[in-house]
Amino acid sequence: MTALIILSLLGILVLMMGLFHLKNKVLILIIPVLIAGIFLNANEYGLNASYFSQMVHFDNFAISFSSLLILTTTLIFGLCLQQYKTSKKPVEDIYALIIFSLVGAICMVSFNNLIMFILGLEIMSVPLYVLAGSNRENVLSNEASLKYFLMGAFASAIVIFGMTLIFGATNSFQLDEIRNAVSGTKMPGVLQVGILLFIGGSLFKAAAVPFHFWAPDVYQGSPTVITAFMATVVKTAAFAGLFRFMMVAFQDISGLWVNILVIITIATLFLANFSALSQTDFKRLMAYSGISHAGYMLIAILVLNMNAADALFFYSVSYSLATIVAFGIFLTMKNATGEYSLEIFKGLSRKNPFLAFGLVIAFLSLAGIPPLAGFFGKYFIFTSAIKGGFLTVVIIAIINTMIGAYYYLKVLNMAFTKDVYHSAPVKNHLLLDAVIVFAAIGTLILGFFPGLLQGFI
């Protein structure tokens, strides 16, 4: 809770610092405070404290996921200097909005009351509507902002309507009281509809089929660091929040939505992976990649037990680290060439072996190749699903893993080809390279020592 308060104050302070036009120098304040927030947050591990009349509950689940969200945001701020180094406009407001969005994400993973969930969802989402269109001279950015706003508002309305029906059936917004109200009783139809509406609206933020259609256009049009934020922090918060909701309130009646989620999971995996095969734009490729990973995360929600919670946490860590490495390398290449095509990676091993090696780690981890962290992320998800009786889903997921490996390896093949796409020099940048090194080493360490994160939840 201390970290949540400090981050809220940090966002206000950064917004006010815009008056002094400090631009990227404000990162000297932001990054250390975020790192301090991680330690303050971790210091509350094991306390299981509740605040605001038990509307938020910082148990081990909330502490673990909120620490991951803060760490991921810190790494993304490490990319911001490269993203906005040539910007002639103030960027303090952009940094403040990212921090406010992080505050909303933390509320989403620590809520114990549905009112706090929708507050967190909106606090996270509203800044993103602005951030997606923050590159005002770019038509695609304006389009991304409008699409994200309209579809996001529609999804929020669905979540609120679902919450209303749940309250009408249980007379409470508190998760434990809702659980007690439905325990051992036959659920009324209004409650079933409410649960399904809540799930559907939440899956919009997770970009799962059939709520995925916004992701490719919004990812493509948004500034790169904002795309990275949506692909990691927003996706992690959406799945952690949904898992918390289902685990605490409705674990005993999970049969209601299992068949529906199985269909959504399978459709998400196949549509995303087959769509990614034909992509030539990096950010659209990462959009479909993120959708496919949403399918793997959905398997944890199917299982819905503590083993699945551990598996979801490990998967979120491995996915976030690898995705940040990929976006960091792309940001360097995009600034060197001015292009977004996958072709910019051609001959990267000749021009910059350091970035090529980082790309190998990122994409092999995302593909689930051992011994990297992404392999064990899938392994933990799959083993928990098999124990939960979802063998068929796991087999389908393994098939999709092999399909997904093709488009990741296709990019790596470009990086190690003899042909060089662009003659422009690819320069290294200290802070961005530090982010890539940190995330890549984290991916390697978790691959060789996967037990490090087991039992945190």
Foldseek 3Di string as FASTA:
>chain_A
DVLLVLLLVLLVVLVVCVVVLPALVCLVVVLVSLVVSLVVLVVCEPVQDADDVRQFTSYLQLSLLLSLLSVLLSLLSLLVCLLCVPPPDHCSNVVSLLSQLSSLLSQLLGGQFVVSNLVSLCSNQPSLLCQQLVVVVFPLSPVLSVLSVVLLVVLSVLLVQLQVLLCVQQVGRGQQSLQVSPPPDDGDPSNLSSLVSNLVSLVLLLLFPPNNVSQLSSLVRGRLSSSLSSLASSNSSSLSSNLVSCQRRPVVPLVSCLVVLLVRLLCQLVVLLVVLVPDFFVSSNSSSLSSNVSSLLSLLSSLRDVLSSLLNSLLSLLLSLLSSLVSLLQSLLCVQPVDGTLLSLAQQCVQPVLSLVLLCLSLCLSLLHPLWSNVVSSVSSLVSSVVSPNPVSNVSSVVSSVSNNVSSVVSSCRNPDPDHDDPGHRDDDVSSSVSSVVSSVVRVVCSVVVCPSPPSD
